[in-house]
């Protein structure tokens, strides 16, 4: 495997009895990469995260953390991991310093290095001024910071964050996103979240799992290409017949809508807006609206995860057996 690949998931499956909840997944995460891991409820996302973090054994396949097989050498493989669960494992009756000292000991950091490890984690997570304070008296945002600090105190190559911004206010969310991007500079980060704008704001790549299988793996740049406008919504006082627009170069379809509106679909990277505007002026169509329609990440997610469900419903209603 490539030297800078810190997480390798190789043909991994997981069964519960005869039910396959994760099917033949392959995934690699490189050093300095932040991956957004998405999926609807019941898609197998949590099961996959549990297997990558070593809390659940795969039924088939292999998982390597920084080159170490997590089944053959679980102790050393897990030492390469930092993990933040959706509910951070905090002791509210301890101060930040007491808690991080405890976490350093759990991660077998040498006694002589504990102080510097704590200082580094607090500095990176913006906790330098609150080390003496009780965790229970901190805001939700600072408690999340403490949770991230415990995950990185032993400087693991791989960091797994499960819903790190749930319950935070907008300012706290922005601060945690900045921290996640910073972590991506030195670690491989897997970010599990239901907040789609968070993926766009923090991740380099997106992986979507659906019905136990990887449905999409793409870079943020690739997603941006998918999100490009490929249709125009036109509003005209005197709209032409659809045929007048269908004959335009690179126009693939024309929908006539109520209230003198028309949707024009076109080939990617061939926006006919300028041509249509000129025609509208020349032929007095009374153009009053011309809006490019972009696909949002939410729409892409829904399209991917709902397509198979719709197909299953159609097969079921037609009497076919659904596997």
Protein backbone atom coordinates (compact mmCIF):
# COMPACT_ATOMS: atom_id res chain seq x y z
CA UNK A 1 0.00 0.00 0.00
CA UNK A 2 1.22 3.58 -0.60
CA UNK A 3 3.40 4.94 2.20
CA UNK A 4 1.12 7.94 2.82
CA UNK A 5 -2.07 5.88 3.03
CA UNK A 6 -2.99 5.80 6.72
CA UNK A 7 -6.35 4.02 6.48
CA UNK A 8 -7.01 1.07 4.17
CA UNK A 9 -10.35 -0.73 4.15
CA UNK A 10 -9.92 -3.76 1.89
CA UNK A 11 -13.05 -5.64 0.73
CA UNK A 12 -14.67 -5.39 4.16
CA UNK A 13 -18.09 -6.91 4.86
CA UNK A 14 -20.11 -7.38 8.03
CA UNK A 15 -22.93 -9.86 8.63
CA UNK A 16 -25.38 -10.18 11.48
CA UNK A 17 -26.59 -13.73 11.03
CA UNK A 18 -27.64 -13.97 7.40
CA UNK A 19 -28.10 -10.20 7.06
CA UNK A 20 -25.31 -8.31 5.31
CA UNK A 21 -25.17 -4.75 6.69
CA UNK A 22 -21.85 -3.78 5.07
CA UNK A 23 -20.94 -5.26 1.71
CA UNK A 24 -17.46 -5.41 0.18
CA UNK A 25 -16.34 -1.87 1.03
CA UNK A 26 -13.02 -0.50 -0.20
CA UNK A 27 -11.68 2.81 1.08
CA UNK A 28 -8.32 4.55 1.41
CA UNK A 29 -7.53 7.74 3.31
CA UNK A 30 -4.23 9.52 2.79
CA UNK A 31 -2.12 11.55 5.16
CA UNK A 32 -3.41 15.11 5.50
CA UNK A 33 -6.82 14.22 4.07
CA UNK A 34 -10.22 14.95 5.64
CA UNK A 35 -12.98 12.64 4.41
CA UNK A 36 -16.66 13.22 5.02
CA UNK A 37 -18.47 9.93 5.64
CA UNK A 38 -22.19 10.21 4.93
CA UNK A 39 -25.16 7.89 4.85
CA UNK A 40 -28.84 7.73 5.79
CA UNK A 41 -29.94 5.96 8.96
CA UNK A 42 -29.53 2.21 8.60
CA UNK A 43 -27.08 2.49 5.70
CA UNK A 44 -24.19 0.79 7.55
CA UNK A 45 -22.29 3.97 8.37
CA UNK A 46 -22.03 3.37 12.13
CA UNK A 47 -21.08 -0.27 11.58
CA UNK A 48 -18.29 0.77 9.22
CA UNK A 49 -17.02 3.39 11.67
CA UNK A 50 -17.02 0.78 14.47
CA UNK A 51 -14.96 -1.59 12.33
CA UNK A 52 -12.44 1.10 11.34
CA UNK A 53 -12.04 2.12 14.98
CA UNK A 54 -11.53 -1.49 16.07
CA UNK A 55 -14.72 -1.76 18.14
CA UNK A 56 -16.26 -4.34 15.81
CA UNK A 57 -14.58 -7.11 13.83
CA UNK A 58 -15.37 -7.40 10.12
CA UNK A 59 -16.87 -10.68 8.91
CA UNK A 60 -14.64 -10.52 5.83
CA UNK A 61 -11.84 -8.31 4.54
CA UNK A 62 -9.00 -6.45 6.24
CA UNK A 63 -8.47 -3.02 7.77
CA UNK A 64 -5.06 -1.39 8.12
CA UNK A 65 -4.35 1.64 10.31
CA UNK A 66 -1.02 3.22 9.40
CA UNK A 67 -0.01 -0.09 7.83
CA UNK A 68 -0.97 -2.23 10.86
CA UNK A 69 -3.67 -4.89 10.48
CA UNK A 70 -6.30 -4.09 13.11
CA UNK A 71 -7.20 -7.80 13.53
CA UNK A 72 -3.66 -9.20 13.62
CA UNK A 73 -2.26 -6.49 15.93
CA UNK A 74 -5.22 -4.62 17.48
CA UNK A 75 -3.24 -3.05 20.33
CA UNK A 76 -0.72 -1.30 18.09
CA UNK A 77 -3.31 -0.49 15.42
CA UNK A 78 -5.60 1.21 17.94
CA UNK A 79 -2.65 3.18 19.30
CA UNK A 80 -2.59 4.88 15.89
CA UNK A 81 -6.18 6.10 16.37
CA UNK A 82 -7.83 9.04 18.07
CA UNK A 83 -11.60 8.85 18.41
CA UNK A 84 -14.33 11.31 19.37
CA UNK A 85 -17.78 9.81 19.79
CA UNK A 86 -20.97 11.80 19.26
CA UNK A 87 -21.24 12.11 23.04
CA UNK A 88 -17.67 12.95 24.20
CA UNK A 89 -16.49 10.66 27.05
CA UNK A 90 -15.94 13.50 29.51
CA UNK A 91 -15.76 13.48 33.31
CA UNK A 92 -17.62 16.64 34.22
CA UNK A 93 -16.31 16.65 37.80
CA UNK A 94 -12.68 16.90 36.63
CA UNK A 95 -10.84 19.97 35.46
CA UNK A 96 -9.62 20.07 31.87
CA UNK A 97 -6.04 19.46 33.03
CA UNK A 98 -7.03 16.54 35.27
CA UNK A 99 -9.01 14.94 32.48
CA UNK A 100 -6.30 15.33 29.84
CA UNK A 101 -3.71 14.00 32.28
CA UNK A 102 -5.93 10.94 32.74
CA UNK A 103 -6.27 10.53 28.95
CA UNK A 104 -2.50 10.81 28.51
CA UNK A 105 -1.99 7.99 30.99
CA UNK A 106 -4.63 5.86 29.26
CA UNK A 107 -2.73 6.33 26.00
CA UNK A 108 0.53 5.24 27.70
CA UNK A 109 2.34 8.52 27.12
CA UNK A 110 5.63 8.49 29.02
CA UNK A 111 5.40 10.40 32.29
CA UNK A 112 8.14 12.80 31.22
CA UNK A 113 6.14 13.70 28.08
CA UNK A 114 2.67 14.09 29.61
CA UNK A 115 2.96 17.81 30.34
CA UNK A 116 4.13 18.71 26.82
CA UNK A 117 1.45 16.46 25.27
CA UNK A 118 -1.24 18.20 27.34
CA UNK A 119 0.08 21.66 26.46
CA UNK A 120 0.16 20.79 22.76
CA UNK A 121 -3.40 19.39 22.76
CA UNK A 122 -4.73 22.41 24.69
CA UNK A 123 -2.95 24.85 22.39
CA UNK A 124 -4.29 23.19 19.24
CA UNK A 125 -7.83 23.04 20.62
CA UNK A 126 -7.93 26.54 22.08
CA UNK A 127 -8.03 25.33 25.71
CA UNK A 128 -4.89 26.97 27.07
CA UNK A 129 -6.82 29.38 29.31
CA UNK A 130 -9.34 26.90 30.72
CA UNK A 131 -7.10 24.10 31.98
CA UNK A 132 -8.02 24.83 35.61
CA UNK A 133 -11.79 24.90 35.01
CA UNK A 134 -14.25 22.09 35.69
CA UNK A 135 -15.42 20.45 32.49
CA UNK A 136 -19.02 20.53 33.74
CA UNK A 137 -18.88 24.33 33.90
CA UNK A 138 -17.70 24.76 30.31
CA UNK A 139 -19.96 25.60 27.37
CA UNK A 140 -20.98 22.87 24.93
CA UNK A 141 -18.47 24.20 22.40
CA UNK A 142 -15.57 24.04 24.84
CA UNK A 143 -16.61 20.56 25.94
CA UNK A 144 -16.38 19.48 22.30
CA UNK A 145 -12.89 20.99 22.18
CA UNK A 146 -11.95 18.95 25.24
CA UNK A 147 -13.29 15.85 23.49
CA UNK A 148 -11.14 16.55 20.44
CA UNK A 149 -8.13 17.26 22.68
CA UNK A 150 -8.41 13.79 24.25
CA UNK A 151 -8.58 12.27 20.76
CA UNK A 152 -5.32 13.90 19.63
CA UNK A 153 -3.33 14.03 22.88
CA UNK A 154 -1.15 11.09 21.80
CA UNK A 155 -0.64 12.60 18.29
CA UNK A 156 -2.28 9.69 16.43
CA UNK A 157 -1.91 9.52 12.65
CA UNK A 158 -5.66 8.83 12.29
CA UNK A 159 -8.50 10.80 13.90
CA UNK A 160 -12.15 9.72 13.72
CA UNK A 161 -14.79 12.32 14.60
CA UNK A 162 -18.44 11.31 14.95
CA UNK A 163 -20.87 14.25 14.66
CA UNK A 164 -18.44 16.73 16.29
CA UNK A 165 -20.67 19.82 15.92
CA UNK A 166 -24.05 18.46 17.05
CA UNK A 167 -25.74 20.88 19.44
CA UNK A 168 -23.33 23.75 18.88
CA UNK A 169 -24.28 27.32 18.02
CA UNK A 170 -23.14 28.84 14.68
CA UNK A 171 -20.03 30.49 16.15
CA UNK A 172 -18.97 27.28 17.90
CA UNK A 173 -19.59 25.29 14.71
CA UNK A 174 -17.31 27.61 12.76
CA UNK A 175 -14.58 27.27 15.40
CA UNK A 176 -14.77 23.45 15.41
CA UNK A 177 -14.71 23.38 11.60
CA UNK A 178 -11.54 25.48 11.62
CA UNK A 179 -10.02 23.03 14.10
CA UNK A 180 -10.95 20.04 11.93
CA UNK A 181 -9.32 21.64 8.89
CA UNK A 182 -6.19 22.24 10.96
CA UNK A 183 -6.14 18.60 12.08
CA UNK A 184 -6.21 17.57 8.44
CA UNK A 185 -2.78 19.11 8.01
CA UNK A 186 -1.06 16.45 10.14
CA UNK A 187 -3.56 13.58 10.45
CA UNK A 188 -5.93 11.53 8.38
CA UNK A 189 -9.42 12.54 9.51
CA UNK A 190 -12.72 10.72 9.00
CA UNK A 191 -15.64 13.00 9.75
CA UNK A 192 -19.03 11.37 10.18
CA UNK A 193 -21.82 13.92 10.01
CA UNK A 194 -25.41 14.53 8.92
CA UNK A 195 -24.73 18.24 8.36
CA UNK A 196 -24.03 18.48 4.63
CA UNK A 197 -22.66 22.08 4.58
CA UNK A 198 -20.12 20.89 7.13
CA UNK A 199 -18.74 18.45 4.56
CA UNK A 200 -18.31 21.19 1.97
CA UNK A 201 -16.68 23.47 4.54
CA UNK A 202 -14.16 21.01 6.00
CA UNK A 203 -13.56 17.96 3.80
CA UNK A 204 -11.29 17.15 0.86
CA UNK A 205 -13.34 14.15 -0.22
CA UNK A 206 -16.81 12.72 0.35
CA UNK A 207 -17.86 9.09 0.70
CA UNK A 208 -21.55 8.15 0.75
CA UNK A 209 -22.67 4.72 1.93
CA UNK A 210 -26.14 3.41 1.12
CA UNK A 211 -27.68 0.03 1.93
CA UNK A 212 -24.29 -1.26 3.06
CA UNK A 213 -22.41 -0.35 -0.13
CA UNK A 214 -20.32 2.61 -1.15
CA UNK A 215 -22.54 4.65 -3.44
CA UNK A 216 -20.16 7.54 -4.12
CA UNK A 217 -16.58 8.55 -3.43
CA UNK A 218 -15.55 11.88 -4.92
CA UNK A 219 -13.44 14.93 -4.21
CA UNK A 220 -15.01 18.24 -3.25
CA UNK A 221 -13.88 19.49 -6.67
CA UNK A 222 -15.69 16.58 -8.30
CA UNK A 223 -18.81 17.33 -6.30
CA UNK A 224 -18.59 20.95 -7.39
CA UNK A 225 -18.68 19.73 -10.98
CA UNK A 226 -21.77 17.66 -10.19
CA UNK A 227 -23.35 20.73 -8.60
CA UNK A 228 -22.84 22.92 -11.66
CA UNK A 229 -25.97 24.33 -13.22
CA UNK A 230 -27.33 22.20 -16.06
CA UNK A 231 -30.71 23.91 -16.39
CA UNK A 232 -32.14 27.40 -16.66
CA UNK A 233 -35.50 28.54 -15.33
CA UNK A 234 -37.00 31.09 -17.73
CA UNK A 235 -39.93 33.40 -17.15
CA UNK A 236 -41.40 35.25 -20.19
CA UNK A 237 -44.48 37.35 -20.77
CA UNK A 238 -44.76 36.01 -24.34
CA UNK A 239 -43.02 32.61 -24.26
CA UNK A 240 -42.18 30.92 -27.57
CA UNK A 241 -43.18 27.34 -28.37
CA UNK A 242 -40.86 24.74 -26.82
CA UNK A 243 -39.52 23.84 -30.26
CA UNK A 244 -37.90 27.26 -30.58
CA UNK A 245 -35.64 26.39 -27.65
CA UNK A 246 -35.22 22.67 -28.33
CA UNK A 247 -33.38 23.40 -31.60
CA UNK A 248 -30.66 25.42 -29.83
CA UNK A 249 -27.23 23.85 -29.72
CA UNK A 250 -26.45 21.89 -26.51
CA UNK A 251 -30.07 22.10 -25.28
CA UNK A 252 -31.08 18.56 -24.22
CA UNK A 253 -34.66 19.06 -23.03
CA UNK A 254 -37.31 21.76 -22.56
CA UNK A 255 -40.09 21.67 -19.94
CA UNK A 256 -43.09 23.96 -20.27
CA UNK A 257 -44.20 25.03 -16.79
CA UNK A 258 -47.22 26.95 -15.46
CA UNK A 259 -47.27 30.75 -15.23
CA UNK A 260 -45.28 31.33 -18.45
CA UNK A 261 -42.17 29.60 -17.15
CA UNK A 262 -39.93 27.21 -19.05
CA UNK A 263 -37.08 25.01 -17.80
CA UNK A 264 -34.28 24.49 -20.30
CA UNK A 265 -31.86 21.60 -19.70
CA UNK A 266 -28.45 21.76 -21.35
CA UNK A 267 -25.17 19.87 -21.59
CA UNK A 268 -22.61 20.57 -18.84
CA UNK A 269 -20.26 23.49 -19.58
CA UNK A 270 -22.48 24.68 -22.47
CA UNK A 271 -24.74 27.26 -20.85
CA UNK A 272 -27.08 28.72 -23.51
CA UNK A 273 -28.08 31.72 -21.35
CA UNK A 274 -26.41 34.30 -23.61
CA UNK A 275 -28.01 32.86 -26.76
CA UNK A 276 -31.44 32.70 -25.12
CA UNK A 277 -31.17 36.27 -23.84
CA UNK A 278 -30.33 37.56 -27.31
CA UNK A 279 -33.22 35.64 -28.86
CA UNK A 280 -35.62 36.91 -26.20
CA UNK A 281 -34.67 40.51 -26.97
CA UNK A 282 -34.72 40.07 -30.75
CA UNK A 283 -38.05 38.26 -30.78
CA UNK A 284 -39.74 40.24 -28.00
CA UNK A 285 -40.45 37.31 -25.68
CA UNK A 286 -40.65 39.63 -22.67
CA UNK A 287 -37.99 37.84 -20.64
CA UNK A 288 -38.41 38.62 -16.93
CA UNK A 289 -36.55 35.70 -15.33
CA UNK A 290 -33.42 33.73 -16.19
CA UNK A 291 -32.15 31.68 -13.24
CA UNK A 292 -29.39 29.02 -13.38
CA UNK A 293 -30.48 25.99 -11.33
CA UNK A 294 -27.68 24.29 -9.41
CA UNK A 295 -27.79 20.92 -7.69
CA UNK A 296 -27.08 21.19 -3.98
CA UNK A 297 -25.06 18.58 -2.08
CA UNK A 298 -28.31 17.73 -0.32
CA UNK A 299 -29.98 17.00 -3.68
CA UNK A 300 -27.05 14.83 -4.79
CA UNK A 301 -27.22 12.94 -1.49
CA UNK A 302 -30.98 12.41 -1.83
CA UNK A 303 -30.68 11.34 -5.47
CA UNK A 304 -28.02 8.75 -4.62
CA UNK A 305 -29.63 7.32 -1.50
CA UNK A 306 -33.22 7.34 -2.75
CA UNK A 307 -32.66 5.91 -6.22
CA UNK A 308 -32.21 2.32 -5.05
CA UNK A 309 -35.06 2.61 -2.56
CA UNK A 310 -37.38 3.76 -5.34
CA UNK A 311 -36.20 0.89 -7.53
CA UNK A 312 -36.86 -1.59 -4.72
CA UNK A 313 -40.38 -0.25 -4.23
CA UNK A 314 -41.04 -0.51 -7.97
CA UNK A 315 -39.77 -4.10 -8.08
CA UNK A 316 -41.81 -5.02 -5.02
CA UNK A 317 -45.01 -3.54 -6.44
CA UNK A 318 -44.51 -5.42 -9.69
CA UNK A 319 -44.24 -8.72 -7.83
CA UNK A 320 -40.50 -9.21 -8.37
CA UNK A 321 -38.35 -10.57 -5.57
CA UNK A 322 -36.18 -7.94 -3.93
CA UNK A 323 -32.85 -9.37 -2.74
